[in-house]
Amino acid sequence: MTDAITICSNALMILGAKPISSFSESEGLGANLDRAKLCAALYPGLRLAMLRGHYWNTCARRVQLSPDEVRPAFGYAYRFRLPGDWLRTWGVGDPNTRGRLDYRSEGRFLLCNEPVLPLLYGADVPEQEWDSLMIDVMTMAMAARLAYPITASTSVEEAKKLELRDLLREARAADGQDDPPETLGDSPLLQSRFTGRW
């Protein structure tokens, strides 16, 4: 089972450092405690950035939001509180019925004129639910972030950043192939474009 400690330990081992067994490392003082503190400081922010940075299928969630009791002062009829695990909005509205809706994002709320709001979003999913590609990407991202503090080498840091870039490209491509390809639709304008008639 993968967790934050496993990811950080693997990242440290990629850099030739000893792994950690916890973020507090009570096994003694010195370098291991320093590595544990460093991982504890860097991991949470990097984790959220990686989850927000791509439409990971593993993190996709769909909900129907009900309006909040408080209405917006002006501009929209309803206000909807975002789910507690929300990290990024990927779509508002149901493309199979009415399509995308006019909405506005303000803080932890969405504003819209519809009484029910279908929302597709990226969720803060625990590591245990990640697929193997996400785990590899996060491990390499942590290795790249730890590279200079652990090795004091800018060349190692740059090499790990390049490895991360390549791995991220591969992981995003593989993750994107899980879904059917998007179509352009069947509008009269598109038909005239391809047939040459208007």
N, C-alpha and C. Protein backbone atom coordinates (compact mmCIF):
# COMPACT_ATOMS: atom_id res chain seq x y z
N MET A 1 0.85 -1.18 0.00
CA MET A 1 0.00 0.00 0.00
C MET A 1 0.89 1.24 0.00
N THR A 2 0.63 2.15 -0.91
CA THR A 2 1.45 3.35 -1.05
C THR A 2 0.90 4.47 -0.18
N ASP A 3 1.81 5.17 0.48
CA ASP A 3 1.43 6.35 1.25
C ASP A 3 2.52 7.40 1.08
N ALA A 4 2.37 8.52 1.76
CA ALA A 4 3.31 9.63 1.62
C ALA A 4 4.72 9.22 2.04
N ILE A 5 4.83 8.44 3.10
CA ILE A 5 6.15 8.02 3.58
C ILE A 5 6.85 7.15 2.54
N THR A 6 6.12 6.23 1.93
CA THR A 6 6.70 5.35 0.91
C THR A 6 7.20 6.17 -0.28
N ILE A 7 6.39 7.12 -0.72
CA ILE A 7 6.78 7.97 -1.86
C ILE A 7 8.04 8.76 -1.52
N CYS A 8 8.07 9.38 -0.33
CA CYS A 8 9.24 10.16 0.07
C CYS A 8 10.47 9.28 0.24
N SER A 9 10.30 8.09 0.82
CA SER A 9 11.43 7.18 1.00
C SER A 9 12.00 6.74 -0.34
N ASN A 10 11.12 6.41 -1.28
CA ASN A 10 11.59 6.02 -2.62
C ASN A 10 12.31 7.17 -3.31
N ALA A 11 11.79 8.39 -3.13
CA ALA A 11 12.46 9.55 -3.72
C ALA A 11 13.86 9.73 -3.12
N LEU A 12 13.97 9.55 -1.82
CA LEU A 12 15.28 9.67 -1.18
C LEU A 12 16.24 8.59 -1.69
N MET A 13 15.74 7.37 -1.85
CA MET A 13 16.60 6.29 -2.34
C MET A 13 17.04 6.53 -3.77
N ILE A 14 16.18 7.14 -4.60
CA ILE A 14 16.57 7.50 -5.96
C ILE A 14 17.79 8.43 -5.93
N LEU A 15 17.84 9.26 -4.90
CA LEU A 15 18.95 10.22 -4.76
C LEU A 15 20.14 9.64 -4.01
N GLY A 16 20.06 8.37 -3.63
CA GLY A 16 21.17 7.73 -2.93
C GLY A 16 21.17 7.99 -1.44
N ALA A 17 20.06 8.49 -0.90
CA ALA A 17 19.97 8.77 0.54
C ALA A 17 19.22 7.63 1.24
N LYS A 18 19.35 7.56 2.55
CA LYS A 18 18.66 6.55 3.33
C LYS A 18 17.16 6.89 3.39
N PRO A 19 16.29 5.88 3.35
CA PRO A 19 14.86 6.14 3.43
C PRO A 19 14.45 6.56 4.85
N ILE A 20 13.24 7.05 4.97
CA ILE A 20 12.69 7.41 6.27
C ILE A 20 11.54 6.46 6.59
N SER A 21 11.22 6.35 7.87
CA SER A 21 10.09 5.50 8.27
C SER A 21 8.91 6.31 8.77
N SER A 22 9.13 7.60 9.02
CA SER A 22 8.04 8.50 9.40
C SER A 22 8.51 9.93 9.16
N PHE A 23 7.58 10.87 9.24
CA PHE A 23 7.96 12.27 9.08
C PHE A 23 8.60 12.83 10.34
N SER A 24 8.52 12.10 11.47
CA SER A 24 9.12 12.60 12.71
C SER A 24 10.43 11.88 13.03
N GLU A 25 10.68 10.70 12.45
CA GLU A 25 11.93 9.95 12.60
C GLU A 25 12.46 9.97 14.03
N SER A 26 11.82 9.22 14.90
CA SER A 26 12.23 9.17 16.30
C SER A 26 13.43 8.25 16.54
N GLU A 27 13.99 7.67 15.48
CA GLU A 27 15.10 6.71 15.62
C GLU A 27 16.42 7.39 16.00
N GLY A 28 16.42 8.65 16.13
CA GLY A 28 17.68 9.33 16.47
C GLY A 28 17.74 10.68 15.79
N LEU A 29 18.73 11.41 16.15
CA LEU A 29 18.89 12.75 15.59
C LEU A 29 19.84 12.70 14.41
N GLY A 30 20.03 13.81 13.80
CA GLY A 30 21.00 13.90 12.72
C GLY A 30 20.36 13.92 11.36
N ALA A 31 21.08 13.33 10.37
CA ALA A 31 20.69 13.44 8.96
C ALA A 31 19.33 12.84 8.69
N ASN A 32 19.00 11.71 9.33
CA ASN A 32 17.70 11.09 9.05
C ASN A 32 16.55 11.97 9.52
N LEU A 33 16.69 12.60 10.68
CA LEU A 33 15.67 13.52 11.17
C LEU A 33 15.56 14.72 10.23
N ASP A 34 16.69 15.21 9.74
CA ASP A 34 16.67 16.34 8.81
C ASP A 34 15.94 15.96 7.52
N ARG A 35 16.19 14.76 7.00
CA ARG A 35 15.51 14.32 5.77
C ARG A 35 14.01 14.18 6.02
N ALA A 36 13.63 13.65 7.17
CA ALA A 36 12.22 13.49 7.50
C ALA A 36 11.53 14.85 7.58
N LYS A 37 12.17 15.82 8.24
CA LYS A 37 11.60 17.16 8.35
C LYS A 37 11.48 17.81 6.97
N LEU A 38 12.50 17.62 6.14
CA LEU A 38 12.49 18.18 4.79
C LEU A 38 11.32 17.59 3.98
N CYS A 39 11.15 16.28 4.05
CA CYS A 39 10.04 15.63 3.34
C CYS A 39 8.70 16.11 3.87
N ALA A 40 8.59 16.23 5.19
CA ALA A 40 7.33 16.69 5.81
C ALA A 40 6.99 18.11 5.37
N ALA A 41 8.00 18.92 5.17
CA ALA A 41 7.77 20.31 4.76
C ALA A 41 7.42 20.43 3.29
N LEU A 42 8.07 19.62 2.43
CA LEU A 42 7.91 19.78 0.98
C LEU A 42 6.76 18.96 0.39
N TYR A 43 6.47 17.81 0.95
CA TYR A 43 5.53 16.88 0.33
C TYR A 43 4.09 17.43 0.19
N PRO A 44 3.47 17.98 1.24
CA PRO A 44 2.05 18.37 1.11
C PRO A 44 1.77 19.36 -0.03
N GLY A 45 2.58 20.40 -0.14
CA GLY A 45 2.35 21.39 -1.20
C GLY A 45 2.59 20.83 -2.58
N LEU A 46 3.66 20.02 -2.72
CA LEU A 46 3.97 19.42 -4.01
C LEU A 46 2.87 18.44 -4.42
N ARG A 47 2.36 17.68 -3.47
CA ARG A 47 1.28 16.72 -3.73
C ARG A 47 0.05 17.43 -4.31
N LEU A 48 -0.36 18.52 -3.67
CA LEU A 48 -1.54 19.25 -4.16
C LEU A 48 -1.29 19.86 -5.54
N ALA A 49 -0.08 20.36 -5.76
CA ALA A 49 0.26 20.94 -7.07
C ALA A 49 0.20 19.87 -8.16
N MET A 50 0.70 18.68 -7.88
CA MET A 50 0.66 17.60 -8.87
C MET A 50 -0.77 17.14 -9.14
N LEU A 51 -1.59 17.06 -8.12
CA LEU A 51 -2.99 16.66 -8.31
C LEU A 51 -3.77 17.71 -9.11
N ARG A 52 -3.49 18.98 -8.86
CA ARG A 52 -4.19 20.06 -9.59
C ARG A 52 -3.68 20.24 -11.01
N GLY A 53 -2.46 19.79 -11.28
CA GLY A 53 -1.80 20.09 -12.54
C GLY A 53 -2.28 19.34 -13.76
N HIS A 54 -3.09 18.32 -13.61
CA HIS A 54 -3.54 17.52 -14.75
C HIS A 54 -4.90 16.91 -14.43
N TYR A 55 -5.66 16.61 -15.47
CA TYR A 55 -6.93 15.91 -15.32
C TYR A 55 -6.62 14.43 -15.13
N TRP A 56 -6.29 14.03 -13.91
CA TRP A 56 -6.02 12.62 -13.61
C TRP A 56 -7.35 11.89 -13.50
N ASN A 57 -7.53 10.84 -14.28
CA ASN A 57 -8.78 10.07 -14.23
C ASN A 57 -9.06 9.54 -12.83
N THR A 58 -8.03 9.17 -12.11
CA THR A 58 -8.18 8.65 -10.76
C THR A 58 -8.81 9.68 -9.82
N CYS A 59 -8.62 10.94 -10.10
CA CYS A 59 -9.09 12.01 -9.21
C CYS A 59 -10.43 12.60 -9.64
N ALA A 60 -10.98 12.15 -10.75
CA ALA A 60 -12.22 12.72 -11.27
C ALA A 60 -13.42 12.34 -10.40
N ARG A 61 -14.23 13.32 -10.08
CA ARG A 61 -15.46 13.11 -9.31
C ARG A 61 -16.59 13.90 -9.96
N ARG A 62 -17.80 13.34 -9.89
CA ARG A 62 -19.00 14.01 -10.40
C ARG A 62 -20.01 14.13 -9.27
N VAL A 63 -20.57 15.32 -9.13
CA VAL A 63 -21.61 15.56 -8.12
C VAL A 63 -22.66 16.50 -8.69
N GLN A 64 -23.83 16.46 -8.08
CA GLN A 64 -24.89 17.43 -8.35
C GLN A 64 -24.96 18.32 -7.11
N LEU A 65 -24.60 19.58 -7.27
CA LEU A 65 -24.59 20.50 -6.13
C LEU A 65 -25.95 21.15 -5.95
N SER A 66 -26.35 21.29 -4.70
CA SER A 66 -27.57 22.01 -4.35
C SER A 66 -27.18 23.41 -3.92
N PRO A 67 -28.09 24.38 -4.10
CA PRO A 67 -27.72 25.76 -3.76
C PRO A 67 -27.51 25.95 -2.25
N ASP A 68 -26.64 26.88 -1.94
CA ASP A 68 -26.38 27.30 -0.58
C ASP A 68 -27.56 28.14 -0.08
N GLU A 69 -27.70 28.26 1.25
CA GLU A 69 -28.79 29.08 1.79
C GLU A 69 -28.62 30.56 1.45
N VAL A 70 -27.37 31.00 1.39
CA VAL A 70 -27.08 32.40 1.10
C VAL A 70 -27.01 32.59 -0.41
N ARG A 71 -27.75 33.56 -0.91
CA ARG A 71 -27.72 33.87 -2.34
C ARG A 71 -26.71 34.98 -2.61
N PRO A 72 -26.16 35.01 -3.81
CA PRO A 72 -25.23 36.11 -4.15
C PRO A 72 -25.95 37.46 -4.10
N ALA A 73 -25.23 38.49 -3.76
CA ALA A 73 -25.81 39.83 -3.66
C ALA A 73 -26.33 40.32 -5.01
N PHE A 74 -25.69 39.92 -6.10
CA PHE A 74 -26.13 40.32 -7.43
C PHE A 74 -25.45 39.44 -8.47
N GLY A 75 -25.94 39.49 -9.70
CA GLY A 75 -25.30 38.84 -10.83
C GLY A 75 -25.76 37.42 -11.10
N TYR A 76 -25.95 36.61 -10.08
CA TYR A 76 -26.37 35.22 -10.24
C TYR A 76 -27.46 34.90 -9.21
N ALA A 77 -28.29 33.94 -9.54
CA ALA A 77 -29.41 33.59 -8.67
C ALA A 77 -29.00 32.67 -7.52
N TYR A 78 -27.98 31.82 -7.73
CA TYR A 78 -27.64 30.81 -6.73
C TYR A 78 -26.15 30.75 -6.46
N ARG A 79 -25.83 30.29 -5.25
CA ARG A 79 -24.45 30.07 -4.85
C ARG A 79 -24.32 28.62 -4.39
N PHE A 80 -23.26 27.94 -4.83
CA PHE A 80 -23.04 26.53 -4.53
C PHE A 80 -21.70 26.34 -3.85
N ARG A 81 -21.70 25.68 -2.70
CA ARG A 81 -20.45 25.40 -1.99
C ARG A 81 -19.74 24.23 -2.67
N LEU A 82 -18.44 24.39 -2.91
CA LEU A 82 -17.64 23.33 -3.53
C LEU A 82 -17.44 22.18 -2.53
N PRO A 83 -17.32 20.95 -3.01
CA PRO A 83 -17.10 19.81 -2.11
C PRO A 83 -15.81 19.98 -1.30
N GLY A 84 -15.75 19.35 -0.14
CA GLY A 84 -14.60 19.46 0.75
C GLY A 84 -13.31 18.94 0.14
N ASP A 85 -13.41 17.96 -0.77
CA ASP A 85 -12.20 17.40 -1.39
C ASP A 85 -11.88 18.04 -2.74
N TRP A 86 -12.56 19.14 -3.09
CA TRP A 86 -12.37 19.82 -4.37
C TRP A 86 -10.96 20.42 -4.46
N LEU A 87 -10.32 20.20 -5.61
CA LEU A 87 -9.03 20.85 -5.90
C LEU A 87 -9.10 21.73 -7.15
N ARG A 88 -9.90 21.30 -8.13
CA ARG A 88 -9.96 22.03 -9.39
C ARG A 88 -11.25 21.69 -10.13
N THR A 89 -11.90 22.69 -10.69
CA THR A 89 -13.11 22.48 -11.48
C THR A 89 -12.72 22.12 -12.90
N TRP A 90 -13.29 21.01 -13.39
CA TRP A 90 -13.01 20.57 -14.75
C TRP A 90 -14.19 20.80 -15.68
N GLY A 91 -15.38 20.87 -15.15
CA GLY A 91 -16.55 21.10 -15.99
C GLY A 91 -17.77 21.40 -15.14
N VAL A 92 -18.59 22.31 -15.63
CA VAL A 92 -19.83 22.66 -14.96
C VAL A 92 -20.96 22.50 -15.96
N GLY A 93 -21.95 21.72 -15.61
CA GLY A 93 -23.06 21.44 -16.51
C GLY A 93 -22.94 20.04 -17.10
N ASP A 94 -24.01 19.57 -17.67
CA ASP A 94 -24.03 18.24 -18.27
C ASP A 94 -23.97 18.39 -19.79
N PRO A 95 -22.84 18.01 -20.42
CA PRO A 95 -22.71 18.19 -21.87
C PRO A 95 -23.71 17.34 -22.67
N ASN A 96 -24.30 16.32 -22.04
CA ASN A 96 -25.27 15.47 -22.74
C ASN A 96 -26.66 16.07 -22.79
N THR A 97 -26.93 17.08 -21.98
CA THR A 97 -28.25 17.70 -21.99
C THR A 97 -28.16 19.14 -22.48
N ARG A 98 -27.84 20.05 -21.57
CA ARG A 98 -27.83 21.46 -21.94
C ARG A 98 -26.45 22.00 -22.27
N GLY A 99 -25.43 21.18 -22.08
CA GLY A 99 -24.07 21.66 -22.35
C GLY A 99 -23.50 22.40 -21.15
N ARG A 100 -22.49 23.16 -21.39
CA ARG A 100 -21.82 23.90 -20.31
C ARG A 100 -22.69 25.07 -19.87
N LEU A 101 -22.60 25.38 -18.60
CA LEU A 101 -23.41 26.46 -18.03
C LEU A 101 -22.57 27.69 -17.78
N ASP A 102 -23.24 28.84 -17.76
CA ASP A 102 -22.58 30.09 -17.39
C ASP A 102 -22.44 30.09 -15.87
N TYR A 103 -21.21 30.21 -15.39
CA TYR A 103 -20.97 30.22 -13.95
C TYR A 103 -19.77 31.08 -13.64
N ARG A 104 -19.58 31.34 -12.37
CA ARG A 104 -18.42 32.09 -11.90
C ARG A 104 -17.90 31.43 -10.64
N SER A 105 -16.59 31.34 -10.54
CA SER A 105 -15.95 30.76 -9.36
C SER A 105 -15.51 31.89 -8.44
N GLU A 106 -15.91 31.81 -7.17
CA GLU A 106 -15.51 32.83 -6.19
C GLU A 106 -15.18 32.13 -4.88
N GLY A 107 -13.91 32.04 -4.56
CA GLY A 107 -13.48 31.36 -3.34
C GLY A 107 -13.86 29.89 -3.38
N ARG A 108 -14.52 29.42 -2.36
CA ARG A 108 -14.95 28.02 -2.28
C ARG A 108 -16.39 27.86 -2.76
N PHE A 109 -16.85 28.77 -3.64
CA PHE A 109 -18.21 28.73 -4.15
C PHE A 109 -18.24 28.87 -5.67
N LEU A 110 -19.28 28.33 -6.28
CA LEU A 110 -19.59 28.58 -7.68
C LEU A 110 -20.92 29.33 -7.71
N LEU A 111 -21.01 30.32 -8.58
CA LEU A 111 -22.24 31.09 -8.75
C LEU A 111 -22.83 30.73 -10.10
N CYS A 112 -24.17 30.54 -10.14
CA CYS A 112 -24.83 30.14 -11.37
C CYS A 112 -26.31 30.48 -11.27
N ASN A 113 -26.99 30.53 -12.42
CA ASN A 113 -28.43 30.81 -12.44
C ASN A 113 -29.29 29.56 -12.45
N GLU A 114 -28.68 28.39 -12.45
CA GLU A 114 -29.43 27.13 -12.44
C GLU A 114 -29.65 26.65 -11.01
N PRO A 115 -30.80 26.04 -10.71
CA PRO A 115 -31.08 25.60 -9.33
C PRO A 115 -30.31 24.34 -8.90
N VAL A 116 -29.81 23.57 -9.85
CA VAL A 116 -28.97 22.40 -9.56
C VAL A 116 -27.75 22.50 -10.46
N LEU A 117 -26.59 22.18 -9.89
CA LEU A 117 -25.35 22.39 -10.63
C LEU A 117 -24.57 21.09 -10.76
N PRO A 118 -24.55 20.48 -11.97
CA PRO A 118 -23.68 19.31 -12.18
C PRO A 118 -22.22 19.77 -12.25
N LEU A 119 -21.36 19.11 -11.47
CA LEU A 119 -19.96 19.51 -11.38
C LEU A 119 -19.04 18.31 -11.60
N LEU A 120 -18.10 18.48 -12.50
CA LEU A 120 -17.01 17.53 -12.69
C LEU A 120 -15.76 18.21 -12.16
N TYR A 121 -15.10 17.55 -11.20
CA TYR A 121 -13.96 18.22 -10.56
C TYR A 121 -12.85 17.24 -10.23
N GLY A 122 -11.67 17.80 -9.99
CA GLY A 122 -10.54 17.02 -9.52
C GLY A 122 -10.53 17.02 -8.02
N ALA A 123 -10.50 15.83 -7.42
CA ALA A 123 -10.60 15.68 -5.98
C ALA A 123 -9.23 15.42 -5.35
N ASP A 124 -9.13 15.75 -4.09
CA ASP A 124 -7.95 15.46 -3.28
C ASP A 124 -8.06 13.99 -2.85
N VAL A 125 -7.51 13.12 -3.67
CA VAL A 125 -7.65 11.68 -3.49
C VAL A 125 -6.44 11.14 -2.71
N PRO A 126 -6.66 10.28 -1.71
CA PRO A 126 -5.52 9.73 -0.97
C PRO A 126 -4.63 8.85 -1.85
N GLU A 127 -3.38 8.76 -1.48
CA GLU A 127 -2.39 8.01 -2.26
C GLU A 127 -2.80 6.56 -2.50
N GLN A 128 -3.53 5.97 -1.58
CA GLN A 128 -3.94 4.57 -1.73
C GLN A 128 -4.83 4.36 -2.96
N GLU A 129 -5.46 5.41 -3.45
CA GLU A 129 -6.34 5.32 -4.62
C GLU A 129 -5.67 5.71 -5.92
N TRP A 130 -4.42 6.14 -5.88
CA TRP A 130 -3.71 6.54 -7.09
C TRP A 130 -3.33 5.33 -7.91
N ASP A 131 -3.25 5.52 -9.23
CA ASP A 131 -2.74 4.43 -10.06
C ASP A 131 -1.20 4.48 -10.06
N SER A 132 -0.60 3.46 -10.61
CA SER A 132 0.86 3.33 -10.55
C SER A 132 1.59 4.48 -11.26
N LEU A 133 1.01 5.02 -12.32
CA LEU A 133 1.66 6.14 -13.02
C LEU A 133 1.70 7.38 -12.15
N MET A 134 0.61 7.65 -11.43
CA MET A 134 0.59 8.82 -10.55
C MET A 134 1.62 8.66 -9.43
N ILE A 135 1.75 7.46 -8.92
CA ILE A 135 2.72 7.20 -7.85
C ILE A 135 4.14 7.43 -8.38
N ASP A 136 4.43 6.93 -9.58
CA ASP A 136 5.75 7.15 -10.18
C ASP A 136 6.03 8.63 -10.40
N VAL A 137 5.02 9.35 -10.90
CA VAL A 137 5.19 10.79 -11.14
C VAL A 137 5.45 11.52 -9.83
N MET A 138 4.68 11.21 -8.80
CA MET A 138 4.85 11.90 -7.52
C MET A 138 6.20 11.56 -6.90
N THR A 139 6.64 10.32 -7.03
CA THR A 139 7.94 9.93 -6.51
C THR A 139 9.06 10.70 -7.21
N MET A 140 8.98 10.81 -8.53
CA MET A 140 10.00 11.55 -9.27
C MET A 140 9.91 13.05 -8.99
N ALA A 141 8.69 13.57 -8.81
CA ALA A 141 8.54 14.98 -8.47
C ALA A 141 9.18 15.27 -7.11
N MET A 142 9.00 14.36 -6.17
CA MET A 142 9.62 14.53 -4.86
C MET A 142 11.14 14.41 -4.96
N ALA A 143 11.63 13.48 -5.79
CA ALA A 143 13.08 13.35 -5.98
C ALA A 143 13.65 14.64 -6.59
N ALA A 144 12.93 15.21 -7.55
CA ALA A 144 13.40 16.46 -8.17
C ALA A 144 13.41 17.60 -7.15
N ARG A 145 12.38 17.64 -6.29
CA ARG A 145 12.31 18.70 -5.28
C ARG A 145 13.38 18.53 -4.20
N LEU A 146 13.71 17.28 -3.88
CA LEU A 146 14.71 16.99 -2.84
C LEU A 146 16.14 16.98 -3.36
N ALA A 147 16.30 16.97 -4.68
CA ALA A 147 17.63 16.74 -5.28
C ALA A 147 18.70 17.69 -4.75
N TYR A 148 18.46 18.97 -4.78
CA TYR A 148 19.51 19.89 -4.32
C TYR A 148 19.71 19.84 -2.81
N PRO A 149 18.62 19.87 -2.00
CA PRO A 149 18.86 19.80 -0.55
C PRO A 149 19.59 18.52 -0.11
N ILE A 150 19.38 17.42 -0.81
CA ILE A 150 20.01 16.15 -0.41
C ILE A 150 21.42 16.01 -0.98
N THR A 151 21.59 16.37 -2.24
CA THR A 151 22.89 16.13 -2.90
C THR A 151 23.77 17.37 -3.01
N ALA A 152 23.19 18.56 -2.85
CA ALA A 152 23.91 19.83 -3.04
C ALA A 152 24.53 19.92 -4.44
N SER A 153 23.87 19.28 -5.41
CA SER A 153 24.37 19.27 -6.79
C SER A 153 23.30 19.82 -7.72
N THR A 154 23.63 20.91 -8.40
CA THR A 154 22.68 21.46 -9.37
C THR A 154 22.52 20.56 -10.59
N SER A 155 23.57 19.81 -10.94
CA SER A 155 23.45 18.91 -12.09
C SER A 155 22.51 17.75 -11.79
N VAL A 156 22.54 17.22 -10.56
CA VAL A 156 21.58 16.17 -10.18
C VAL A 156 20.17 16.74 -10.17
N GLU A 157 20.04 17.95 -9.66
CA GLU A 157 18.72 18.59 -9.62
C GLU A 157 18.16 18.75 -11.04
N GLU A 158 18.97 19.23 -11.96
CA GLU A 158 18.52 19.40 -13.35
C GLU A 158 18.18 18.07 -14.00
N ALA A 159 18.99 17.05 -13.75
CA ALA A 159 18.73 15.72 -14.32
C ALA A 159 17.40 15.17 -13.82
N LYS A 160 17.11 15.34 -12.54
CA LYS A 160 15.84 14.84 -11.98
C LYS A 160 14.65 15.63 -12.52
N LYS A 161 14.84 16.92 -12.75
CA LYS A 161 13.76 17.73 -13.34
C LYS A 161 13.46 17.26 -14.77
N LEU A 162 14.50 16.94 -15.53
CA LEU A 162 14.30 16.44 -16.89
C LEU A 162 13.61 15.07 -16.87
N GLU A 163 14.02 14.20 -15.94
CA GLU A 163 13.36 12.90 -15.81
C GLU A 163 11.89 13.08 -15.45
N LEU A 164 11.62 14.02 -14.56
CA LEU A 164 10.23 14.29 -14.17
C LEU A 164 9.42 14.78 -15.36
N ARG A 165 9.99 15.71 -16.13
CA ARG A 165 9.27 16.23 -17.30
C ARG A 165 8.90 15.12 -18.27
N ASP A 166 9.85 14.23 -18.56
CA ASP A 166 9.59 13.13 -19.48
C ASP A 166 8.57 12.15 -18.92
N LEU A 167 8.70 11.80 -17.65
CA LEU A 167 7.76 10.87 -17.02
C LEU A 167 6.36 11.47 -16.95
N LEU A 168 6.28 12.75 -16.65
CA LEU A 168 4.98 13.43 -16.58
C LEU A 168 4.31 13.44 -17.95
N ARG A 169 5.08 13.67 -19.00
CA ARG A 169 4.53 13.64 -20.35
C ARG A 169 3.97 12.25 -20.68
N GLU A 170 4.72 11.21 -20.36
CA GLU A 170 4.27 9.84 -20.61
C GLU A 170 3.02 9.50 -19.79
N ALA A 171 3.03 9.88 -18.53
CA ALA A 171 1.89 9.57 -17.65
C ALA A 171 0.63 10.29 -18.10
N ARG A 172 0.75 11.56 -18.49
CA ARG A 172 -0.42 12.31 -18.96
C ARG A 172 -0.96 11.70 -20.25
N ALA A 173 -0.08 11.29 -21.14
CA ALA A 173 -0.52 10.67 -22.39
C ALA A 173 -1.24 9.36 -22.12
N ALA A 174 -0.69 8.53 -21.25
CA ALA A 174 -1.32 7.24 -20.92
C ALA A 174 -2.65 7.47 -20.22
N ASP A 175 -2.70 8.42 -19.29
CA ASP A 175 -3.93 8.72 -18.56
C ASP A 175 -5.00 9.24 -19.51
N GLY A 176 -4.61 10.03 -20.49
CA GLY A 176 -5.56 10.58 -21.46
C GLY A 176 -6.10 9.54 -22.44
N GLN A 177 -5.38 8.42 -22.60
CA GLN A 177 -5.83 7.39 -23.53
C GLN A 177 -6.89 6.49 -22.93
N ASP A 178 -7.18 6.65 -21.64
CA ASP A 178 -8.23 5.85 -21.01
C ASP A 178 -9.62 6.27 -21.46
N ASP A 179 -9.76 7.49 -21.95
CA ASP A 179 -11.06 8.01 -22.37
C ASP A 179 -11.21 7.95 -23.88
N PRO A 180 -12.45 7.88 -24.38
CA PRO A 180 -12.64 7.92 -25.83
C PRO A 180 -12.26 9.30 -26.37
N PRO A 181 -11.88 9.39 -27.62
CA PRO A 181 -11.50 10.69 -28.18
C PRO A 181 -12.70 11.63 -28.24
N GLU A 182 -12.41 12.92 -28.08
CA GLU A 182 -13.48 13.91 -28.18
C GLU A 182 -13.85 14.12 -29.64
N THR A 183 -15.13 14.38 -29.88
CA THR A 183 -15.59 14.66 -31.24
C THR A 183 -15.94 16.14 -31.36
N LEU A 184 -16.00 16.60 -32.58
CA LEU A 184 -16.30 18.01 -32.82
C LEU A 184 -17.79 18.30 -32.85
N GLY A 185 -18.61 17.29 -32.89
CA GLY A 185 -20.05 17.52 -32.92
C GLY A 185 -20.58 17.50 -34.35
N ASP A 186 -21.84 17.89 -34.49
CA ASP A 186 -22.52 17.80 -35.78
C ASP A 186 -23.21 19.12 -36.11
N SER A 187 -22.49 20.23 -35.97
CA SER A 187 -23.11 21.52 -36.24
C SER A 187 -23.12 21.80 -37.75
N PRO A 188 -24.08 22.59 -38.23
CA PRO A 188 -24.13 22.94 -39.66
C PRO A 188 -22.86 23.64 -40.14
N LEU A 189 -22.26 24.45 -39.29
CA LEU A 189 -21.04 25.15 -39.68
C LEU A 189 -19.91 24.16 -39.95
N LEU A 190 -19.77 23.15 -39.08
CA LEU A 190 -18.74 22.13 -39.31
C LEU A 190 -19.02 21.33 -40.56
N GLN A 191 -20.28 20.98 -40.79
CA GLN A 191 -20.63 20.20 -41.98
C GLN A 191 -20.30 20.98 -43.24
N SER A 192 -20.59 22.28 -43.26
CA SER A 192 -20.27 23.08 -44.45
C SER A 192 -18.78 23.19 -44.65
N ARG A 193 -18.06 23.22 -43.58
CA ARG A 193 -16.60 23.31 -43.67
C ARG A 193 -16.02 22.07 -44.35
N PHE A 194 -16.55 20.89 -44.00
CA PHE A 194 -16.00 19.66 -44.54
C PHE A 194 -16.61 19.29 -45.91
N THR A 195 -17.82 19.74 -46.20
CA THR A 195 -18.44 19.39 -47.48
C THR A 195 -18.30 20.49 -48.52
N GLY A 196 -17.95 21.69 -48.07
CA GLY A 196 -17.78 22.78 -49.00
C GLY A 196 -19.12 23.44 -49.38
N ARG A 197 -20.21 23.05 -48.72
CA ARG A 197 -21.51 23.67 -49.00
C ARG A 197 -21.99 24.42 -47.78
N TRP A 198 -22.74 25.45 -48.03
CA TRP A 198 -23.32 26.23 -46.92
C TRP A 198 -24.77 26.26 -46.97
